[in-house]
């Protein structure tokens, strides 16, 4: 009985800490959202020879404030290896170690600090809020930004529409339509596959689905459209069906259909291009990849995390492509190979592919697992033709970490079973790391 008041005070303390972390997590979300406020989109600025639009919350100031705020909550941090997995932890070490051979040490330190902030903030959100509440907060923030973006785009505000060669297409409060599109995809996938976790009126959630689809149409980002399709297919294939036999049959049939469809699209790429209104060179990306690929073997460990291959790669690409502006390789995989070598790409594929397979063969059926599969499918596809994916510290990675952590921590019952069979001494360390959830 003497422990009751102490336990009650402890619970109230946890609730207070979680409540105080809400504005901190919202700020971190805004830092990685990529929100900008510029009269001209990044492509118009780049074509004119200027610097791309600067994010409202991103940059050194946002990073330092985020690190300071999140640092206060470090005592509540859990076990990174258990939350993130070996592949991601090894990648973080490789990224940090690239300072030793980087072409620009400052750029690498900035990128690693951003990645660290993202991972720590996501782990704290899951630990203090629990998966459902953290995800609901993410979705509400993204919904607000999308609604404001759509409203400005509808009235033709230049802060929300593209200019130049993509004139009229929606970019929302983002630097480019190819940044707005993936942001919409994440909001869409959460609404479709984690509605139960959101605990919001169904009419509200599906009204937002309609807004997302309309905004994707007007943004006209082929990469985002394909990523959305991949995410939806993966989510449908891995729906949380309680009955094991039905779930196995459904997943097996879905995989067979997906493989058949994927084979057709690979053998007939012109069909995909025609459906999306794009040419088979993917708007010139194929030629750029052909020129950049040999550069990945010149430095097996890359030029450092976050450098994009360094200025030498950009200059070399300008020469080979006969362009007068700085060039990105427009591929997350190729960009990662230029930064850290192909070993880093393997780590990403092990992380994403391993998580997808674990969900596929899991005996559980949860919305968190379904959402994780959908987000990973979108990330894997988006990484083909955009840099802002793979292990790049951004919105897609941040949101993906929440169901990833939840899925990994769901493996805990196995330890409990071992403990019941073989005694309390089997895993005292694991049982001491119960995720604290409030709200």
Protein backbone atom coordinates (compact mmCIF):
# COMPACT_ATOMS: atom_id res chain seq x y z
CA UNK A 1 0.00 0.00 0.00
CA UNK A 2 2.93 2.34 0.71
CA UNK A 3 3.97 2.07 -2.94
CA UNK A 4 0.68 3.34 -4.33
CA UNK A 5 1.31 7.08 -3.83
CA UNK A 6 4.83 6.72 -5.23
CA UNK A 7 3.58 4.83 -8.26
CA UNK A 8 0.84 7.40 -8.80
CA UNK A 9 3.37 10.23 -8.69
CA UNK A 10 5.54 8.34 -11.17
CA UNK A 11 2.67 7.97 -13.64
CA UNK A 12 1.80 11.66 -13.32
CA UNK A 13 5.44 12.52 -13.93
CA UNK A 14 5.55 10.45 -17.11
CA UNK A 15 2.35 12.06 -18.36
CA UNK A 16 3.80 15.52 -17.66
CA UNK A 17 7.02 14.70 -19.53
CA UNK A 18 5.04 13.38 -22.49
CA UNK A 19 2.87 16.50 -22.56
CA UNK A 20 5.90 18.78 -22.50
CA UNK A 21 7.44 16.80 -25.37
CA UNK A 22 4.49 17.50 -27.69
CA UNK A 23 5.65 20.99 -28.82
CA UNK A 24 9.22 19.70 -29.10
CA UNK A 25 8.17 16.88 -31.41
CA UNK A 26 5.98 19.24 -33.46
CA UNK A 27 8.99 21.51 -33.95
CA UNK A 28 11.11 18.55 -35.08
CA UNK A 29 8.37 17.56 -37.51
CA UNK A 30 8.41 21.06 -38.99
CA UNK A 31 12.20 20.96 -39.28
CA UNK A 32 12.05 17.82 -41.42
CA UNK A 33 8.87 18.71 -43.31
CA UNK A 34 10.79 20.74 -45.89
CA UNK A 35 8.38 23.68 -45.70
CA UNK A 36 9.54 26.76 -47.61
CA UNK A 37 8.22 30.25 -48.31
CA UNK A 38 9.54 31.51 -51.60
CA UNK A 39 8.03 33.31 -54.60
CA UNK A 40 10.06 31.07 -56.93
CA UNK A 41 10.45 27.31 -56.79
CA UNK A 42 13.89 25.72 -56.48
CA UNK A 43 14.08 24.75 -60.16
CA UNK A 44 13.42 28.29 -61.39
CA UNK A 45 16.03 29.60 -58.96
CA UNK A 46 18.57 26.96 -60.01
CA UNK A 47 17.96 27.59 -63.72
CA UNK A 48 18.60 31.28 -63.07
CA UNK A 49 21.91 30.42 -61.40
CA UNK A 50 20.88 31.22 -57.83
CA UNK A 51 20.67 29.22 -54.62
CA UNK A 52 17.64 26.98 -54.00
CA UNK A 53 14.87 28.16 -51.70
CA UNK A 54 15.72 27.97 -48.02
CA UNK A 55 13.39 26.07 -45.71
CA UNK A 56 11.48 27.97 -43.05
CA UNK A 57 12.48 25.65 -40.21
CA UNK A 58 15.41 23.72 -41.65
CA UNK A 59 19.00 24.92 -41.65
CA UNK A 60 21.59 25.33 -38.93
CA UNK A 61 19.32 27.33 -36.62
CA UNK A 62 16.54 24.75 -36.78
CA UNK A 63 19.02 21.92 -36.23
CA UNK A 64 20.62 23.54 -33.18
CA UNK A 65 17.27 24.39 -31.59
CA UNK A 66 16.00 20.87 -32.28
CA UNK A 67 19.08 19.24 -30.74
CA UNK A 68 18.86 21.47 -27.67
CA UNK A 69 15.16 20.72 -27.13
CA UNK A 70 15.44 16.99 -27.72
CA UNK A 71 18.59 16.77 -25.61
CA UNK A 72 16.56 17.56 -22.49
CA UNK A 73 14.68 14.25 -22.91
CA UNK A 74 17.71 11.99 -23.48
CA UNK A 75 17.32 10.30 -20.06
CA UNK A 76 14.04 8.82 -21.37
CA UNK A 77 15.77 7.30 -24.40
CA UNK A 78 15.53 3.57 -24.96
CA UNK A 79 17.89 1.11 -26.62
CA UNK A 80 18.83 2.41 -30.12
CA UNK A 81 19.97 -0.99 -31.40
CA UNK A 82 16.69 -2.61 -30.42
CA UNK A 83 14.60 0.23 -31.83
CA UNK A 84 16.44 0.79 -35.11
CA UNK A 85 18.04 -2.54 -35.94
CA UNK A 86 21.66 -3.42 -36.69
CA UNK A 87 21.64 -2.22 -40.33
CA UNK A 88 20.55 1.34 -39.48
CA UNK A 89 22.92 1.55 -36.50
CA UNK A 90 25.81 0.40 -38.70
CA UNK A 91 24.82 2.96 -41.31
CA UNK A 92 24.86 5.74 -38.69
CA UNK A 93 28.36 4.69 -37.63
CA UNK A 94 29.50 4.63 -41.27
CA UNK A 95 28.02 8.08 -41.87
CA UNK A 96 29.78 9.46 -38.79
CA UNK A 97 33.02 7.73 -39.72
CA UNK A 98 32.96 9.33 -43.18
CA UNK A 99 34.17 12.52 -41.50
CA UNK A 100 37.62 10.94 -41.68
CA UNK A 101 37.70 10.88 -45.49
CA UNK A 102 35.06 13.46 -46.40
CA UNK A 103 35.57 16.11 -49.06
CA UNK A 104 33.71 18.58 -46.82
CA UNK A 105 33.77 17.80 -43.10
CA UNK A 106 31.27 20.53 -42.18
CA UNK A 107 28.65 19.17 -44.60
CA UNK A 108 29.04 15.65 -43.22
CA UNK A 109 28.72 16.78 -39.59
CA UNK A 110 25.59 18.75 -40.45
CA UNK A 111 24.02 15.77 -42.23
CA UNK A 112 24.90 13.33 -39.42
CA UNK A 113 23.51 15.74 -36.82
CA UNK A 114 20.25 15.96 -38.79
CA UNK A 115 20.02 12.18 -39.03
CA UNK A 116 20.73 11.85 -35.30
CA UNK A 117 18.06 14.41 -34.41
CA UNK A 118 15.52 12.59 -36.58
CA UNK A 119 16.22 9.16 -35.10
CA UNK A 120 16.33 10.30 -31.48
CA UNK A 121 13.18 12.41 -31.84
CA UNK A 122 11.27 9.50 -33.38
CA UNK A 123 12.39 7.07 -30.67
CA UNK A 124 11.43 9.52 -27.92
CA UNK A 125 8.03 10.13 -29.53
CA UNK A 126 7.31 6.42 -29.64
CA UNK A 127 8.50 5.91 -26.06
CA UNK A 128 6.66 8.87 -24.53
CA UNK A 129 3.48 8.88 -26.62
CA UNK A 130 3.13 5.37 -27.96
CA UNK A 131 2.71 4.61 -31.66
CA UNK A 132 -0.91 5.71 -32.10
CA UNK A 133 -0.60 9.10 -30.44
CA UNK A 134 2.72 9.91 -32.15
CA UNK A 135 1.29 8.96 -35.54
CA UNK A 136 -1.84 11.02 -34.93
CA UNK A 137 0.33 14.05 -34.18
CA UNK A 138 2.32 13.49 -37.39
CA UNK A 139 -0.85 13.20 -39.47
CA UNK A 140 -2.46 16.31 -37.99
CA UNK A 141 0.67 18.39 -38.67
CA UNK A 142 0.95 17.15 -42.26
CA UNK A 143 -2.80 17.63 -42.80
CA UNK A 144 -2.56 21.25 -41.71
CA UNK A 145 0.38 21.94 -44.04
CA UNK A 146 -1.35 20.21 -46.97
CA UNK A 147 -4.62 22.07 -46.52
CA UNK A 148 -2.79 25.40 -46.38
CA UNK A 149 -0.74 24.40 -49.43
CA UNK A 150 -3.84 23.41 -51.39
CA UNK A 151 -5.67 26.61 -50.47
CA UNK A 152 -2.77 28.76 -51.69
CA UNK A 153 -2.38 26.69 -54.86
CA UNK A 154 -6.09 26.95 -55.69
CA UNK A 155 -5.93 30.76 -55.69
CA UNK A 156 -2.74 30.65 -57.75
CA UNK A 157 -0.42 32.08 -55.12
CA UNK A 158 3.15 31.94 -56.52
CA UNK A 159 4.36 30.62 -53.14
CA UNK A 160 2.50 27.38 -53.86
CA UNK A 161 2.69 26.81 -57.64
CA UNK A 162 5.57 26.02 -59.95
CA UNK A 163 6.97 28.45 -62.48
CA UNK A 164 9.17 28.01 -65.53
CA UNK A 165 8.94 24.74 -67.44
CA UNK A 166 6.55 23.26 -64.83
CA UNK A 167 4.42 26.37 -64.63
CA UNK A 168 1.07 25.92 -62.91
CA UNK A 169 1.76 22.63 -61.19
CA UNK A 170 1.22 22.56 -57.45
CA UNK A 171 4.24 22.60 -55.16
CA UNK A 172 2.44 23.77 -52.03
CA UNK A 173 4.59 25.19 -49.26
CA UNK A 174 7.59 23.32 -50.63
CA UNK A 175 10.54 24.08 -52.85
CA UNK A 176 9.42 21.82 -55.70
CA UNK A 177 6.50 19.64 -56.80
CA UNK A 178 8.76 16.61 -56.32
CA UNK A 179 9.01 17.56 -52.64
CA UNK A 180 5.30 18.24 -52.24
CA UNK A 181 4.33 14.94 -53.91
CA UNK A 182 6.13 12.58 -51.48
CA UNK A 183 4.77 14.60 -48.55
CA UNK A 184 1.26 13.99 -49.87
CA UNK A 185 1.99 10.28 -50.29
CA UNK A 186 2.87 9.84 -46.61
CA UNK A 187 -0.32 11.59 -45.48
CA UNK A 188 -2.35 9.45 -47.90
CA UNK A 189 -0.84 6.14 -46.74
CA UNK A 190 -1.40 6.97 -43.07
CA UNK A 191 -5.04 7.81 -43.77
CA UNK A 192 -5.60 4.62 -45.76
CA UNK A 193 -3.80 2.08 -43.58
CA UNK A 194 -3.64 3.52 -40.06
CA UNK A 195 -7.10 4.98 -39.70
CA UNK A 196 -7.70 2.88 -36.59
CA UNK A 197 -4.60 4.36 -34.94
CA UNK A 198 -5.62 7.92 -35.77
CA UNK A 199 -8.87 7.55 -33.79
CA UNK A 200 -10.46 10.36 -35.78
CA UNK A 201 -13.86 10.48 -37.56
CA UNK A 202 -13.77 8.29 -40.66
CA UNK A 203 -15.44 11.03 -42.73
CA UNK A 204 -12.66 13.48 -41.82
CA UNK A 205 -9.88 11.02 -42.66
CA UNK A 206 -11.31 10.03 -46.04
CA UNK A 207 -12.11 13.63 -46.92
CA UNK A 208 -8.37 14.20 -46.50
CA UNK A 209 -7.70 11.21 -48.77
CA UNK A 210 -9.67 13.03 -51.47
CA UNK A 211 -7.61 16.20 -50.90
CA UNK A 212 -4.37 14.21 -51.13
CA UNK A 213 -5.41 12.57 -54.40
CA UNK A 214 -6.48 15.89 -55.91
CA UNK A 215 -3.22 17.55 -54.86
CA UNK A 216 -1.20 14.65 -56.30
CA UNK A 217 -3.06 15.09 -59.58
CA UNK A 218 -2.29 18.81 -59.78
CA UNK A 219 1.31 18.37 -58.59
CA UNK A 220 1.83 15.92 -61.45
CA UNK A 221 4.94 14.33 -59.92
CA UNK A 222 5.51 10.99 -61.64
CA UNK A 223 7.77 9.73 -58.85
CA UNK A 224 5.19 10.53 -56.19
CA UNK A 225 2.42 8.88 -58.24
CA UNK A 226 4.43 5.67 -58.61
CA UNK A 227 5.44 5.74 -54.94
CA UNK A 228 1.79 6.16 -53.93
CA UNK A 229 0.78 3.22 -56.12
CA UNK A 230 3.57 1.05 -54.68
CA UNK A 231 2.60 1.99 -51.12
CA UNK A 232 -1.07 1.28 -51.70
CA UNK A 233 -0.33 -2.10 -53.31
CA UNK A 234 1.99 -3.07 -50.43
CA UNK A 235 -0.55 -1.91 -47.87
CA UNK A 236 -3.36 -3.89 -49.50
CA UNK A 237 -1.14 -6.97 -49.76
CA UNK A 238 -0.29 -6.79 -46.05
CA UNK A 239 -3.67 -5.86 -44.61
CA UNK A 240 -4.00 -6.88 -40.93
CA UNK A 241 -6.28 -9.89 -41.48
CA UNK A 242 -6.78 -11.71 -38.12
CA UNK A 243 -7.35 -15.19 -39.58
CA UNK A 244 -3.94 -16.72 -40.27
CA UNK A 245 -5.00 -18.99 -43.15
CA UNK A 246 -6.89 -16.21 -44.94
CA UNK A 247 -4.02 -13.80 -44.30
CA UNK A 248 -1.47 -16.21 -45.78
CA UNK A 249 -3.60 -16.87 -48.87
CA UNK A 250 -4.28 -13.17 -49.37
CA UNK A 251 -0.62 -12.18 -49.04
CA UNK A 252 0.56 -14.97 -51.31
CA UNK A 253 -1.93 -14.04 -54.01
CA UNK A 254 -1.10 -10.33 -53.71
CA UNK A 255 2.62 -11.01 -54.08
CA UNK A 256 2.02 -13.14 -57.16
CA UNK A 257 -0.08 -10.40 -58.77
CA UNK A 258 2.47 -7.73 -57.83
CA UNK A 259 5.34 -9.77 -59.33
CA UNK A 260 3.37 -10.33 -62.53
CA UNK A 261 2.50 -6.64 -62.80
CA UNK A 262 6.08 -5.61 -62.01
CA UNK A 263 7.42 -7.96 -64.67
CA UNK A 264 5.12 -6.49 -67.30
CA UNK A 265 6.13 -2.94 -66.40
CA UNK A 266 9.84 -3.81 -66.49
CA UNK A 267 9.54 -5.52 -69.86
CA UNK A 268 7.33 -2.74 -71.24
CA UNK A 269 8.63 0.52 -69.69
CA UNK A 270 6.97 2.51 -72.47
CA UNK A 271 3.59 1.51 -71.06
CA UNK A 272 4.43 3.04 -67.69
CA UNK A 273 5.76 6.19 -69.32
CA UNK A 274 2.67 6.55 -71.47
CA UNK A 275 0.34 6.12 -68.47
CA UNK A 276 2.23 8.79 -66.55
CA UNK A 277 2.85 11.07 -69.48
CA UNK A 278 6.63 10.61 -69.26
CA UNK A 279 9.32 9.42 -71.66
CA UNK A 280 11.39 6.28 -71.07
CA UNK A 281 14.46 8.37 -70.13
CA UNK A 282 12.60 9.59 -67.00
CA UNK A 283 12.98 13.27 -67.92
CA UNK A 284 16.67 12.87 -68.77
CA UNK A 285 17.59 10.99 -65.58
CA UNK A 286 18.74 7.88 -67.45
CA UNK A 287 21.49 9.80 -69.26
CA UNK A 288 22.59 11.40 -65.98
CA UNK A 289 22.77 8.01 -64.23
CA UNK A 290 24.84 6.63 -67.08
CA UNK A 291 27.34 9.45 -66.62
CA UNK A 292 27.37 9.27 -62.81
CA UNK A 293 27.65 5.49 -62.40
CA UNK A 294 31.41 5.27 -63.21
CA UNK A 295 32.07 7.95 -60.58
CA UNK A 296 30.87 5.62 -57.81
CA UNK A 297 33.84 3.29 -58.25
CA UNK A 298 36.49 6.00 -58.19
CA UNK A 299 36.04 6.43 -54.43
CA UNK A 300 34.78 3.15 -52.91
CA UNK A 301 33.93 4.82 -49.57
CA UNK A 302 32.43 7.89 -51.17
CA UNK A 303 32.94 11.57 -50.48
CA UNK A 304 31.11 11.66 -47.15
CA UNK A 305 27.52 11.48 -45.94
CA UNK A 306 25.37 14.36 -47.13
CA UNK A 307 27.85 15.64 -49.73
CA UNK A 308 25.97 14.25 -52.74
CA UNK A 309 29.26 13.13 -54.21
CA UNK A 310 30.94 16.47 -53.59
CA UNK A 311 31.49 19.45 -55.85
CA UNK A 312 33.82 17.46 -58.09
CA UNK A 313 30.99 15.09 -59.03
CA UNK A 314 28.67 18.00 -59.73
CA UNK A 315 31.27 19.71 -61.90
CA UNK A 316 32.01 16.47 -63.73
CA UNK A 317 28.30 15.92 -64.37
CA UNK A 318 27.97 19.47 -65.68
CA UNK A 319 30.74 18.78 -68.17
CA UNK A 320 29.38 15.43 -69.30
CA UNK A 321 25.76 16.64 -69.51
CA UNK A 322 26.74 20.01 -71.03
CA UNK A 323 24.81 21.90 -68.34
CA UNK A 324 25.73 25.18 -66.64
CA UNK A 325 24.05 24.50 -63.26
CA UNK A 326 24.82 22.23 -60.32
CA UNK A 327 23.44 18.76 -60.89
CA UNK A 328 22.12 16.16 -58.48
CA UNK A 329 22.15 12.54 -59.62
CA UNK A 330 18.37 12.29 -59.02
CA UNK A 331 18.57 8.83 -57.47
CA UNK A 332 18.74 7.98 -53.79
CA UNK A 333 20.68 4.78 -54.45
CA UNK A 334 23.22 6.39 -56.73
CA UNK A 335 23.53 9.41 -54.44
CA UNK A 336 24.18 7.11 -51.47
CA UNK A 337 26.80 5.18 -53.45
CA UNK A 338 28.56 8.46 -54.26
CA UNK A 339 28.47 9.52 -50.61
CA UNK A 340 29.36 6.29 -48.79
CA UNK A 341 29.88 3.59 -51.38
CA UNK A 342 27.71 0.67 -52.47
CA UNK A 343 28.09 -0.93 -49.04
CA UNK A 344 25.80 1.80 -47.67
CA UNK A 345 23.22 0.96 -50.34
CA UNK A 346 23.37 -2.67 -49.23
CA UNK A 347 22.74 -1.60 -45.62
CA UNK A 348 19.67 0.36 -46.71
CA UNK A 349 18.30 -2.58 -48.69
CA UNK A 350 18.92 -4.94 -45.77
CA UNK A 351 17.11 -2.55 -43.44
CA UNK A 352 14.12 -1.90 -45.72
CA UNK A 353 13.93 -5.34 -47.28
CA UNK A 354 14.43 -7.15 -43.99
CA UNK A 355 11.66 -5.14 -42.34
CA UNK A 356 9.31 -5.83 -45.23
CA UNK A 357 9.99 -9.57 -45.08
CA UNK A 358 9.53 -9.62 -41.30
CA UNK A 359 6.11 -8.04 -41.74
CA UNK A 360 5.27 -10.46 -44.55
CA UNK A 361 6.04 -13.55 -42.49
CA UNK A 362 4.85 -12.19 -39.16
CA UNK A 363 2.09 -14.06 -37.33
CA UNK A 364 0.74 -10.75 -36.03
CA UNK A 365 -1.76 -8.58 -37.83
CA UNK A 366 -1.50 -4.91 -36.92
CA UNK A 367 -2.09 -1.60 -38.66
CA UNK A 368 1.44 -0.52 -37.65
CA UNK A 369 2.92 -3.38 -39.67
CA UNK A 370 0.71 -2.64 -42.66
CA UNK A 371 1.64 1.05 -42.59
CA UNK A 372 5.34 0.15 -42.28
CA UNK A 373 5.16 -2.03 -45.39
CA UNK A 374 3.34 0.71 -47.31
CA UNK A 375 5.84 3.41 -46.32
CA UNK A 376 8.84 1.18 -47.07
CA UNK A 377 7.45 0.32 -50.51
CA UNK A 378 7.01 4.03 -51.24
CA UNK A 379 10.54 4.74 -49.98
CA UNK A 380 12.15 1.95 -52.02
CA UNK A 381 10.41 3.13 -55.19
CA UNK A 382 10.97 6.83 -54.59
CA UNK A 383 14.68 6.23 -54.04
CA UNK A 384 15.02 5.13 -57.65
CA UNK A 385 14.48 8.59 -59.13
CA UNK A 386 14.70 11.04 -56.20
CA UNK A 387 17.48 11.85 -53.74
CA UNK A 388 15.21 12.71 -50.78
CA UNK A 389 14.70 9.07 -49.78
CA UNK A 390 16.93 6.13 -48.74
CA UNK A 391 18.58 7.15 -45.47
CA UNK A 392 18.31 10.88 -46.21
CA UNK A 393 17.09 12.73 -43.08
CA UNK A 394 13.65 13.88 -44.19
CA UNK A 395 9.92 13.50 -43.72
CA UNK A 396 9.54 10.04 -45.20
CA UNK A 397 12.29 8.51 -43.05
CA UNK A 398 11.02 10.22 -39.89
CA UNK A 399 7.48 8.94 -40.30
CA UNK A 400 8.66 5.46 -41.32
CA UNK A 401 10.62 5.17 -38.08
CA UNK A 402 7.46 5.23 -35.94
CA UNK A 403 5.89 1.97 -37.24
CA UNK A 404 9.41 0.53 -37.61
CA UNK A 405 10.09 1.00 -33.89
CA UNK A 406 6.64 -0.31 -33.02
CA UNK A 407 7.10 -3.42 -35.16
CA UNK A 408 10.53 -4.15 -33.67
CA UNK A 409 9.35 -3.72 -30.09
CA UNK A 410 6.42 -6.05 -30.77
CA UNK A 411 8.99 -8.87 -30.84
CA UNK A 412 9.10 -8.55 -27.03
CA UNK A 413 6.58 -11.37 -26.30
CA UNK A 414 9.17 -13.88 -27.53
CA UNK A 415 11.43 -12.85 -24.65
CA UNK A 416 8.53 -13.18 -22.23
CA UNK A 417 7.95 -16.74 -23.46
CA UNK A 418 11.61 -17.59 -22.90
CA UNK A 419 11.44 -16.05 -19.47
CA UNK A 420 8.45 -18.16 -18.48
CA UNK A 421 10.19 -21.30 -19.74
CA UNK A 422 13.70 -20.79 -18.43
CA UNK A 423 13.35 -18.37 -15.54
CA UNK A 424 13.75 -14.72 -14.72
CA UNK A 425 17.47 -14.63 -15.46
CA UNK A 426 17.09 -15.03 -19.21
CA UNK A 427 16.56 -11.40 -20.14
CA UNK A 428 16.48 -8.96 -17.27
CA UNK A 429 18.02 -6.30 -19.50
CA UNK A 430 15.24 -6.56 -22.07
CA UNK A 431 12.43 -6.61 -19.52
CA UNK A 432 13.78 -3.44 -17.94
CA UNK A 433 13.18 -1.53 -21.18
CA UNK A 434 9.40 -1.49 -21.27
CA UNK A 435 8.33 1.40 -23.52
CA UNK A 436 6.67 4.11 -21.44
CA UNK A 437 3.42 5.23 -23.03
CA UNK A 438 1.09 7.95 -22.03
CA UNK A 439 -2.10 9.19 -23.60
